[in-house]
Amino acid sequence: MNSPIYSVIIGTGSYIPSRKIKNEEFLKNEFYDTDGKKLEKSNNEIIEKFFEITTIEERRYASDNLTTSDIACFAAVEAVKSAGIDKEELDCIIVAHNFGDVKSSNRLMDAVPCLAARVKHKLGISNPDAVAYDILFGCPGWLQAAIQADYLIKSGDARKVMVIGAEILSRVSDPHDRDSMLYADGAGATIFAARESEYPVGILAHKTRTDTLLHNKMLHMGKSYHSEHENQDDVYLKMAGRKLYQYAIEKVPQTIKECLEKADIPLVEIKKALIHQANGKMDDAILKRLFNLYGIVDVPENIMPMTISWLGNSSVATIPTLLDLILKGKLEPHEIKKDDTLLFASVGAGMNINALIYKM
């Protein structure tokens, strides 16, 4: 009798833009509130408060000549190299993003053909059976694509699936909105492969929820807060920050708990929690509430690796980039060992939440 099929990670890659944007660079911005009134506080006060809430000191922006599919391709090349496979072996390429190939010269979404098709083309893959498609699922897009990869592999429809999260948020952020300081650019890629195993390995369980009835407008597109902004026809990413924070710390821990119960894994077995890098303080609160659900007061040290302080929030790219850095020894003292059990979780536009349990 054959052993069960599991989805395991065989390769990772990431692209971190070289252009660093420190908080001080926002001192020259004019910030306005949602009513179009200029904020009374000085930029120094605004930036200090922003750092206190988010822990972000700097973020990365892509150079003007690159698009989202370009940086997705860079990460994909690294993942193929890491996996040690022929790119023609890929059965599927899924690219998670939210804004397509937004160019530096305009903010129009360009996603025809889809970004996955563009990545496949740029990789030079000739195999027509390597299916390429995109997923738009807010910040949890990469993790949801990983869940789809698991379905494809366990159904027998695929043996190797590349999942990419890539975004250039710097081009859809309103320079007159304080929240623009959150956003960053980047790409991360992961290759999942089928493996027969007598023992549980790879993806063990996942859980997703979508709350649209009351929460679908917490992230949306809207005009600049500055009524005299030079491009009045442009729309930018907007966020109801406080409401989103409250939603996340209430709903994400519960979703993770349900995922752990589905996997029949106790929380104390989790060695690393890789949570979407949305807001440093919010992630801390999510983890604390998760442990409180189990009656545990003290959260273990070094369980939650973080990159947001120096990479900012690159949406779908944060988790795969985080994973790649750890696996390649670039985020000390964090490391992932064989037999470690990992928790992945994300929250974002929709509102969507997902969680996944993985055994190395």
Protein backbone atom coordinates (compact mmCIF):
# COMPACT_ATOMS: atom_id res chain seq x y z
CA MET A 1 0.00 0.00 0.00
CA ASN A 2 1.38 3.42 -0.98
CA SER A 3 2.18 6.00 1.68
CA PRO A 4 0.19 9.26 1.77
CA ILE A 5 1.29 12.16 -0.44
CA TYR A 6 2.40 15.36 1.29
CA SER A 7 3.35 18.79 -0.07
CA VAL A 8 6.89 19.70 0.97
CA ILE A 9 9.10 22.72 0.32
CA ILE A 10 12.11 21.90 -1.86
CA GLY A 11 13.31 25.40 -2.75
CA THR A 12 12.95 29.06 -1.85
CA GLY A 13 14.06 32.40 -3.25
CA SER A 14 13.48 36.09 -2.67
CA TYR A 15 14.22 39.50 -4.11
CA ILE A 16 14.85 42.38 -1.75
CA PRO A 17 15.25 45.72 -3.56
CA SER A 18 18.50 47.53 -2.81
CA ARG A 19 16.89 50.97 -2.49
CA LYS A 20 16.47 51.76 1.22
CA ILE A 21 13.91 54.32 2.32
CA LYS A 22 14.41 55.39 5.93
CA ASN A 23 11.69 57.05 8.00
CA GLU A 24 13.53 60.36 7.82
CA GLU A 25 12.77 60.59 4.11
CA PHE A 26 9.10 61.20 4.97
CA LEU A 27 9.95 64.42 6.82
CA LYS A 28 9.38 66.31 3.57
CA ASN A 29 5.87 64.90 3.00
CA GLU A 30 2.67 66.81 3.71
CA PHE A 31 0.24 64.53 5.55
CA TYR A 32 -3.54 64.95 5.54
CA ASP A 33 -6.37 63.20 7.35
CA THR A 34 -9.33 61.40 5.75
CA ASP A 35 -11.28 64.68 5.58
CA GLY A 36 -8.55 66.37 3.58
CA LYS A 37 -7.29 68.51 6.46
CA LYS A 38 -3.58 68.92 6.94
CA LEU A 39 -2.39 67.21 10.11
CA GLU A 40 -1.49 69.65 12.87
CA LYS A 41 1.30 67.54 14.37
CA SER A 42 4.81 67.99 13.02
CA ASN A 43 6.24 65.31 10.75
CA ASN A 44 8.74 64.45 13.47
CA GLU A 45 5.88 63.65 15.84
CA ILE A 46 3.99 61.73 13.14
CA ILE A 47 7.02 59.62 12.23
CA GLU A 48 7.95 58.94 15.86
CA LYS A 49 4.41 57.76 16.60
CA PHE A 50 4.42 55.65 13.44
CA PHE A 51 7.63 53.91 14.53
CA GLU A 52 6.26 53.34 18.02
CA ILE A 53 3.15 51.63 16.62
CA THR A 54 4.67 49.65 13.74
CA THR A 55 8.41 49.18 14.66
CA ILE A 56 9.29 50.12 11.04
CA GLU A 57 12.54 52.07 10.64
CA GLU A 58 13.06 51.61 6.90
CA ARG A 59 11.60 49.82 3.90
CA ARG A 60 12.71 48.83 0.40
CA TYR A 61 11.50 50.26 -2.91
CA ALA A 62 12.03 48.73 -6.35
CA SER A 63 13.97 50.73 -8.92
CA ASP A 64 11.89 52.57 -11.52
CA ASN A 65 12.83 50.24 -14.37
CA LEU A 66 11.37 47.14 -12.68
CA THR A 67 7.80 45.82 -12.49
CA THR A 68 6.20 43.30 -10.16
CA SER A 69 6.60 40.43 -12.66
CA ASP A 70 10.31 41.32 -12.98
CA ILE A 71 11.00 40.99 -9.27
CA ALA A 72 8.77 37.90 -9.10
CA CYS A 73 10.98 36.36 -11.77
CA PHE A 74 14.15 37.22 -9.81
CA ALA A 75 12.77 35.37 -6.78
CA ALA A 76 11.65 32.46 -8.99
CA VAL A 77 15.15 32.02 -10.44
CA GLU A 78 16.57 31.77 -6.92
CA ALA A 79 13.91 29.23 -5.92
CA VAL A 80 14.61 26.98 -8.93
CA LYS A 81 18.32 27.16 -8.16
CA SER A 82 17.67 26.39 -4.49
CA ALA A 83 15.50 23.37 -5.40
CA GLY A 84 18.11 22.03 -7.80
CA ILE A 85 15.51 21.20 -10.45
CA ASP A 86 15.00 21.89 -14.13
CA LYS A 87 12.47 24.72 -14.50
CA GLU A 88 10.67 22.59 -17.11
CA GLU A 89 9.69 20.20 -14.29
CA LEU A 90 7.24 22.74 -12.87
CA ASP A 91 3.61 21.73 -13.30
CA CYS A 92 2.17 25.02 -12.11
CA ILE A 93 3.21 28.60 -11.35
CA ILE A 94 0.93 30.66 -9.11
CA VAL A 95 1.69 34.35 -8.55
CA ALA A 96 -0.01 36.16 -5.68
CA HIS A 97 -0.23 39.95 -6.07
CA ASN A 98 -2.87 42.67 -5.84
CA PHE A 99 -1.97 45.39 -8.33
CA GLY A 100 -0.36 43.74 -11.35
CA ASP A 101 2.57 45.34 -13.13
CA VAL A 102 2.12 48.91 -11.91
CA LYS A 103 4.74 50.97 -13.71
CA SER A 104 6.61 53.89 -12.18
CA SER A 105 5.19 56.21 -14.86
CA ASN A 106 1.52 55.45 -14.05
CA ARG A 107 -0.66 53.62 -11.51
CA LEU A 108 -2.86 51.64 -13.87
CA MET A 109 -3.16 47.93 -13.08
CA ASP A 110 -1.62 45.85 -15.86
CA ALA A 111 -2.41 42.13 -15.49
CA VAL A 112 -3.14 40.88 -19.01
CA PRO A 113 -1.56 38.46 -19.56
CA CYS A 114 -1.47 37.44 -15.91
CA LEU A 115 1.76 37.91 -13.99
CA ALA A 116 2.32 34.16 -13.71
CA ALA A 117 2.26 33.93 -17.51
CA ARG A 118 4.79 36.77 -17.67
CA VAL A 119 7.03 35.04 -15.13
CA LYS A 120 6.83 31.78 -17.08
CA HIS A 121 7.78 33.67 -20.23
CA LYS A 122 10.68 35.45 -18.55
CA LEU A 123 11.94 32.15 -17.14
CA GLY A 124 11.90 30.74 -20.67
CA ILE A 125 9.77 27.72 -19.76
CA SER A 126 8.51 25.99 -22.92
CA ASN A 127 6.45 23.20 -21.31
CA PRO A 128 2.77 23.95 -22.17
CA ASP A 129 1.63 21.73 -19.29
CA ALA A 130 3.14 24.15 -16.80
CA VAL A 131 -0.07 26.05 -15.99
CA ALA A 132 0.37 29.67 -14.94
CA TYR A 133 -2.22 31.76 -13.15
CA ASP A 134 -2.59 34.54 -10.57
CA ILE A 135 -4.39 34.88 -7.28
CA LEU A 136 -5.66 38.15 -5.79
CA PHE A 137 -6.42 37.60 -2.11
CA GLY A 138 -5.02 40.61 -0.31
CA CYS A 139 -1.91 40.19 1.83
CA PRO A 140 -2.74 36.50 2.55
CA GLY A 141 -2.37 35.78 -1.20
CA TRP A 142 0.92 33.86 -1.04
CA LEU A 143 -0.32 31.65 1.77
CA GLN A 144 -3.61 31.00 -0.04
CA ALA A 145 -1.65 30.09 -3.17
CA ALA A 146 0.39 27.65 -1.06
CA ILE A 147 -2.90 26.11 0.07
CA GLN A 148 -3.95 25.77 -3.59
CA ALA A 149 -0.60 24.14 -4.34
CA ASP A 150 -1.33 21.61 -1.61
CA TYR A 151 -4.71 20.80 -3.19
CA LEU A 152 -3.09 20.36 -6.62
CA ILE A 153 -0.38 18.07 -5.29
CA LYS A 154 -2.64 15.92 -3.11
CA SER A 155 -5.16 15.53 -5.93
CA GLY A 156 -2.43 14.18 -8.19
CA ASP A 157 -2.76 17.01 -10.70
CA ALA A 158 0.75 18.35 -9.99
CA ARG A 159 4.07 17.14 -8.65
CA LYS A 160 5.91 20.48 -8.44
CA VAL A 161 4.26 23.87 -7.93
CA MET A 162 5.97 27.25 -7.66
CA VAL A 163 4.19 29.80 -5.49
CA ILE A 164 5.32 33.43 -5.71
CA GLY A 165 4.29 36.48 -3.74
CA ALA A 166 5.35 39.78 -5.32
CA GLU A 167 4.25 43.37 -4.91
CA ILE A 168 5.35 46.95 -5.56
CA LEU A 169 3.25 48.85 -3.04
CA SER A 170 5.35 52.00 -3.24
CA ARG A 171 3.54 52.88 -6.49
CA VAL A 172 0.02 52.61 -5.08
CA SER A 173 0.58 54.49 -1.82
CA ASP A 174 -0.63 58.06 -1.29
CA PRO A 175 2.30 60.30 -0.29
CA HIS A 176 -0.14 62.42 1.74
CA ASP A 177 -1.38 59.45 3.81
CA ARG A 178 0.53 58.45 6.96
CA ASP A 179 -0.11 54.80 6.13
CA SER A 180 2.09 55.16 3.05
CA MET A 181 5.05 54.69 5.41
CA LEU A 182 3.96 51.09 5.98
CA TYR A 183 4.31 49.94 2.43
CA ALA A 184 7.27 48.35 0.71
CA ASP A 185 8.26 46.30 -2.33
CA GLY A 186 9.62 42.76 -2.65
CA ALA A 187 9.14 39.22 -3.88
CA GLY A 188 9.43 35.72 -2.46
CA ALA A 189 9.11 32.34 -4.19
CA THR A 190 8.65 28.81 -2.86
CA ILE A 191 8.57 25.47 -4.68
CA PHE A 192 6.33 22.74 -3.27
CA ALA A 193 6.74 19.14 -4.36
CA ALA A 194 4.91 15.86 -3.80
CA ARG A 195 6.49 13.41 -1.37
CA GLU A 196 5.31 10.00 -0.24
CA SER A 197 5.84 9.55 3.49
CA GLU A 198 4.74 7.13 6.19
CA TYR A 199 4.95 9.98 8.68
CA PRO A 200 3.29 13.42 8.51
CA VAL A 201 5.54 15.95 6.79
CA GLY A 202 5.15 19.20 4.88
CA ILE A 203 1.71 20.83 4.91
CA LEU A 204 -0.35 19.19 7.66
CA ALA A 205 -3.42 21.44 7.76
CA HIS A 206 -4.73 24.84 6.76
CA LYS A 207 -7.64 27.11 7.56
CA THR A 208 -9.03 30.14 5.70
CA ARG A 209 -11.84 32.58 6.45
CA THR A 210 -13.29 35.59 4.63
CA ASP A 211 -15.31 38.27 6.46
CA THR A 212 -16.94 40.50 3.87
CA LEU A 213 -20.30 41.43 5.38
CA LEU A 214 -18.90 43.99 7.84
CA HIS A 215 -15.21 44.25 6.97
CA ASN A 216 -14.79 44.40 3.19
CA LYS A 217 -13.96 48.14 3.16
CA MET A 218 -11.13 48.13 5.70
CA LEU A 219 -8.68 48.05 2.80
CA HIS A 220 -9.79 49.69 -0.42
CA MET A 221 -8.70 52.02 -3.21
CA GLY A 222 -9.40 55.75 -2.98
CA LYS A 223 -8.23 59.19 -4.04
CA SER A 224 -5.38 61.08 -2.39
CA TYR A 225 -6.19 62.73 0.95
CA HIS A 226 -4.75 65.95 -0.48
CA SER A 227 -7.44 67.59 -2.64
CA GLU A 228 -4.82 69.43 -4.69
CA HIS A 229 -2.62 66.40 -5.33
CA GLU A 230 -1.21 66.63 -8.85
CA ASN A 231 -2.85 63.44 -10.15
CA GLN A 232 -6.50 63.69 -9.11
CA ASP A 233 -7.54 60.71 -11.25
CA ASP A 234 -5.17 58.34 -9.48
CA VAL A 235 -6.39 56.01 -6.75
CA TYR A 236 -4.30 54.71 -3.88
CA LEU A 237 -4.38 51.98 -1.29
CA LYS A 238 -6.38 53.11 1.75
CA MET A 239 -6.71 51.43 5.13
CA ALA A 240 -8.89 51.78 8.22
CA GLY A 241 -5.90 51.14 10.46
CA ARG A 242 -7.46 51.02 13.92
CA LYS A 243 -10.40 48.86 12.83
CA LEU A 244 -8.10 46.50 10.97
CA TYR A 245 -5.83 46.20 14.02
CA GLN A 246 -8.76 45.28 16.25
CA TYR A 247 -10.14 42.82 13.70
CA ALA A 248 -6.76 41.13 13.32
CA ILE A 249 -6.00 40.66 17.00
CA GLU A 250 -9.50 39.27 17.58
CA LYS A 251 -9.86 36.94 14.58
CA VAL A 252 -6.35 35.79 13.62
CA PRO A 253 -5.56 33.97 16.90
CA GLN A 254 -8.87 32.11 16.73
CA THR A 255 -8.24 31.07 13.12
CA ILE A 256 -4.79 29.80 14.04
CA LYS A 257 -6.25 27.84 16.95
CA GLU A 258 -8.77 26.19 14.63
CA CYS A 259 -5.95 25.28 12.25
CA LEU A 260 -3.88 23.75 15.07
CA GLU A 261 -6.89 21.71 16.18
CA LYS A 262 -7.44 20.56 12.60
CA ALA A 263 -3.83 19.38 12.44
CA ASP A 264 -4.09 17.88 15.95
CA ILE A 265 -0.93 19.79 16.87
CA PRO A 266 -0.54 21.41 20.33
CA LEU A 267 0.62 25.03 20.33
CA VAL A 268 3.69 24.15 22.39
CA GLU A 269 5.03 22.10 19.46
CA ILE A 270 5.31 25.19 17.24
CA LYS A 271 8.98 26.15 16.85
CA LYS A 272 8.50 29.19 14.62
CA ALA A 273 5.52 31.40 13.85
CA LEU A 274 5.90 33.08 10.46
CA ILE A 275 3.23 35.77 10.46
CA HIS A 276 2.61 38.34 7.71
CA GLN A 277 4.77 41.38 8.43
CA ALA A 278 1.99 43.96 8.57
CA ASN A 279 2.74 45.81 11.80
CA GLY A 280 5.26 44.83 14.46
CA LYS A 281 3.10 45.66 17.46
CA MET A 282 0.06 44.00 15.86
CA ASP A 283 1.95 40.76 15.27
CA ASP A 284 3.11 40.81 18.90
CA ALA A 285 -0.50 41.25 20.02
CA ILE A 286 -1.71 38.43 17.76
CA LEU A 287 0.86 36.02 19.16
CA LYS A 288 0.16 37.03 22.76
CA ARG A 289 -3.59 36.51 22.30
CA LEU A 290 -2.96 33.14 20.64
CA PHE A 291 -1.01 31.89 23.64
CA ASN A 292 -3.63 33.35 25.99
CA LEU A 293 -6.25 31.20 24.25
CA TYR A 294 -4.29 28.23 25.58
CA GLY A 295 -3.87 29.73 29.04
CA ILE A 296 -0.18 30.47 28.43
CA VAL A 297 0.96 33.86 29.72
CA ASP A 298 4.58 33.93 28.54
CA VAL A 299 5.26 33.73 24.81
CA PRO A 300 8.48 31.79 24.06
CA GLU A 301 11.45 33.92 23.02
CA ASN A 302 12.51 33.92 19.36
CA ILE A 303 9.40 32.06 18.23
CA MET A 304 8.34 34.84 15.86
CA PRO A 305 11.05 36.05 13.45
CA MET A 306 10.47 39.58 12.16
CA THR A 307 11.71 41.59 9.17
CA ILE A 308 9.26 44.48 9.19
CA SER A 309 11.63 46.88 10.98
CA TRP A 310 13.96 46.96 7.95
CA LEU A 311 11.84 45.61 5.07
CA GLY A 312 8.45 47.18 5.83
CA ASN A 313 5.18 45.62 4.66
CA SER A 314 5.48 44.15 1.16
CA SER A 315 2.08 42.41 1.36
CA VAL A 316 2.15 38.95 -0.26
CA ALA A 317 5.96 38.93 -0.29
CA THR A 318 6.55 39.17 3.46
CA ILE A 319 6.13 35.51 4.48
CA PRO A 320 7.99 33.82 1.58
CA THR A 321 10.81 36.35 1.95
CA LEU A 322 10.97 35.69 5.69
CA LEU A 323 11.06 31.92 5.07
CA ASP A 324 13.81 32.22 2.47
CA LEU A 325 16.00 34.37 4.72
CA ILE A 326 15.73 31.92 7.62
CA LEU A 327 16.33 28.78 5.54
CA LYS A 328 19.42 30.36 4.01
CA GLY A 329 20.87 31.47 7.35
CA LYS A 330 20.38 35.18 6.71
CA LEU A 331 18.23 36.01 9.74
CA GLU A 332 20.23 34.95 12.77
CA PRO A 333 19.65 33.76 15.43
CA HIS A 334 16.59 32.22 13.78
CA GLU A 335 16.94 28.79 12.19
CA ILE A 336 14.62 26.04 11.04
CA LYS A 337 15.62 22.44 11.63
CA LYS A 338 14.39 19.06 10.43
CA ASP A 339 11.26 17.94 12.30
CA ASP A 340 10.43 21.50 13.39
CA THR A 341 6.74 22.37 13.23
CA LEU A 342 6.01 25.79 11.75
CA LEU A 343 2.99 28.05 11.86
CA PHE A 344 2.18 30.38 8.96
CA ALA A 345 -0.57 33.01 9.22
CA SER A 346 -1.71 36.12 7.38
CA VAL A 347 -4.48 38.71 7.36
CA GLY A 348 -5.45 41.30 4.79
CA ALA A 349 -7.92 42.82 2.34
CA GLY A 350 -11.21 41.01 2.05
CA MET A 351 -11.01 40.75 4.98
CA ASN A 352 -9.20 37.45 4.61
CA ILE A 353 -7.33 35.37 7.17
CA ASN A 354 -5.47 32.12 6.67
CA ALA A 355 -3.22 29.81 8.65
CA LEU A 356 -1.13 26.77 7.79
CA ILE A 357 0.78 24.16 9.83
CA TYR A 358 3.96 22.76 8.31
CA LYS A 359 6.30 19.98 9.45
CA MET A 360 9.91 20.13 8.24
